[in-house]
């Protein structure tokens, strides 16, 4: 019953909680990011031979790569909903791989 009353209150006065919602989202995002960084640091500490220079890329991965993956996931979902067929393209076979250490002049064409 409390949830219904809260939903009714928000539907009647939507701007009353708009700033609280934004602050809440920013707080929880900062909390998530902090916990994510902490878990990453713990993982690096547990792995003794890890390259610590990889931590520089962590921020790029969290902000750029993740957004790119969201775009790809949304685009592929919309394509699947529309029902369009997306293929992998055509592979043209040429049979030009050397067999058993042959040089490039010894290539033979297969029929």
Protein backbone atom coordinates (compact mmCIF):
# COMPACT_ATOMS: atom_id res chain seq x y z
CA UNK A 1 0.00 0.00 0.00
CA UNK A 2 2.91 2.33 0.74
CA UNK A 3 4.30 1.82 -2.77
CA UNK A 4 0.96 2.72 -4.32
CA UNK A 5 0.76 5.87 -2.19
CA UNK A 6 4.32 6.84 -3.15
CA UNK A 7 3.61 6.25 -6.83
CA UNK A 8 0.44 8.33 -6.58
CA UNK A 9 2.32 11.13 -4.82
CA UNK A 10 5.04 11.17 -7.50
CA UNK A 11 2.49 11.14 -10.31
CA UNK A 12 0.78 14.18 -8.80
CA UNK A 13 4.00 16.09 -7.99
CA UNK A 14 6.75 14.78 -10.34
CA UNK A 15 9.16 17.71 -9.91
CA UNK A 16 9.32 17.45 -6.12
CA UNK A 17 11.64 14.46 -6.28
CA UNK A 18 13.55 15.30 -9.49
CA UNK A 19 16.64 16.73 -7.74
CA UNK A 20 16.62 13.98 -5.14
CA UNK A 21 16.55 11.39 -7.91
CA UNK A 22 19.50 12.94 -9.73
CA UNK A 23 21.52 13.17 -6.53
CA UNK A 24 20.64 9.57 -5.71
CA UNK A 25 21.71 8.35 -9.14
CA UNK A 26 25.00 10.24 -8.93
CA UNK A 27 25.64 8.95 -5.41
CA UNK A 28 25.00 5.32 -6.35
CA UNK A 29 27.04 5.63 -9.54
CA UNK A 30 29.97 7.03 -7.54
CA UNK A 31 29.54 4.23 -5.00
CA UNK A 32 29.49 1.60 -7.75
CA UNK A 33 32.56 3.11 -9.43
CA UNK A 34 34.43 3.23 -6.11
CA UNK A 35 33.60 -0.41 -5.33
CA UNK A 36 34.61 -1.36 -8.86
CA UNK A 37 37.99 0.34 -8.46
CA UNK A 38 38.46 -1.28 -5.06
CA UNK A 39 37.71 -4.74 -6.48
CA UNK A 40 40.16 -4.07 -9.31
CA UNK A 41 42.88 -3.08 -6.88
CA UNK A 42 42.26 -6.21 -4.80
CA UNK A 43 42.48 -8.34 -7.96
CA UNK A 44 45.77 -6.68 -8.91
CA UNK A 45 47.14 -7.24 -5.41
CA UNK A 46 46.20 -10.92 -5.50
CA UNK A 47 47.85 -11.42 -8.89
CA UNK A 48 51.54 -10.98 -8.09
CA UNK A 49 52.91 -10.78 -11.63
CA UNK A 50 50.28 -8.45 -13.06
CA UNK A 51 51.33 -5.42 -15.09
CA UNK A 52 50.22 -2.41 -13.02
CA UNK A 53 50.36 -0.12 -16.04
CA UNK A 54 47.07 -1.72 -17.12
CA UNK A 55 45.31 0.31 -14.43
CA UNK A 56 45.69 3.39 -16.62
CA UNK A 57 43.33 1.82 -19.15
CA UNK A 58 40.71 1.09 -16.51
CA UNK A 59 39.11 4.54 -16.66
CA UNK A 60 38.98 4.45 -20.48
CA UNK A 61 37.40 1.00 -20.32
CA UNK A 62 34.79 2.09 -17.80
CA UNK A 63 33.71 5.24 -19.63
CA UNK A 64 34.42 4.74 -23.34
CA UNK A 65 34.43 1.02 -24.08
CA UNK A 66 31.39 0.33 -21.92
CA UNK A 67 29.38 3.02 -23.71
CA UNK A 68 30.42 1.55 -27.05
CA UNK A 69 29.23 -1.87 -25.92
CA UNK A 70 25.89 -0.40 -24.80
CA UNK A 71 25.49 1.08 -28.29
CA UNK A 72 26.29 -2.25 -29.94
CA UNK A 73 23.92 -4.16 -27.64
CA UNK A 74 21.04 -1.73 -28.22
CA UNK A 75 21.62 -1.65 -31.98
CA UNK A 76 21.72 -5.45 -32.25
CA UNK A 77 18.61 -5.80 -30.07
CA UNK A 78 16.69 -3.34 -32.25
CA UNK A 79 17.88 -5.17 -35.38
CA UNK A 80 16.69 -8.46 -33.92
CA UNK A 81 13.31 -6.97 -33.00
CA UNK A 82 12.88 -5.59 -36.53
CA UNK A 83 13.69 -9.03 -37.88
CA UNK A 84 16.24 -7.96 -40.46
CA UNK A 85 18.75 -10.60 -41.41
CA UNK A 86 22.35 -9.56 -40.89
CA UNK A 87 24.95 -11.86 -42.38
CA UNK A 88 28.64 -12.20 -41.90
CA UNK A 89 29.43 -11.44 -45.52
CA UNK A 90 30.93 -13.77 -48.10
CA UNK A 91 34.31 -15.38 -47.82
CA UNK A 92 36.13 -15.74 -51.10
CA UNK A 93 38.32 -18.81 -51.07
CA UNK A 94 41.54 -18.55 -53.07
CA UNK A 95 43.57 -21.59 -51.88
CA UNK A 96 46.83 -19.66 -51.65
CA UNK A 97 48.13 -21.00 -48.33
CA UNK A 98 51.50 -22.75 -48.71
CA UNK A 99 51.55 -26.45 -47.91
CA UNK A 100 54.40 -27.85 -45.80
CA UNK A 101 57.00 -25.07 -45.95
CA UNK A 102 56.65 -24.17 -49.62
CA UNK A 103 57.79 -20.74 -50.74
CA UNK A 104 55.50 -18.29 -52.48
CA UNK A 105 56.74 -19.39 -55.94
CA UNK A 106 55.76 -22.98 -55.15
CA UNK A 107 52.08 -22.23 -54.44
CA UNK A 108 49.73 -24.38 -56.39
CA UNK A 109 46.16 -23.61 -57.26
CA UNK A 110 43.53 -26.11 -56.28
CA UNK A 111 40.74 -26.78 -58.77
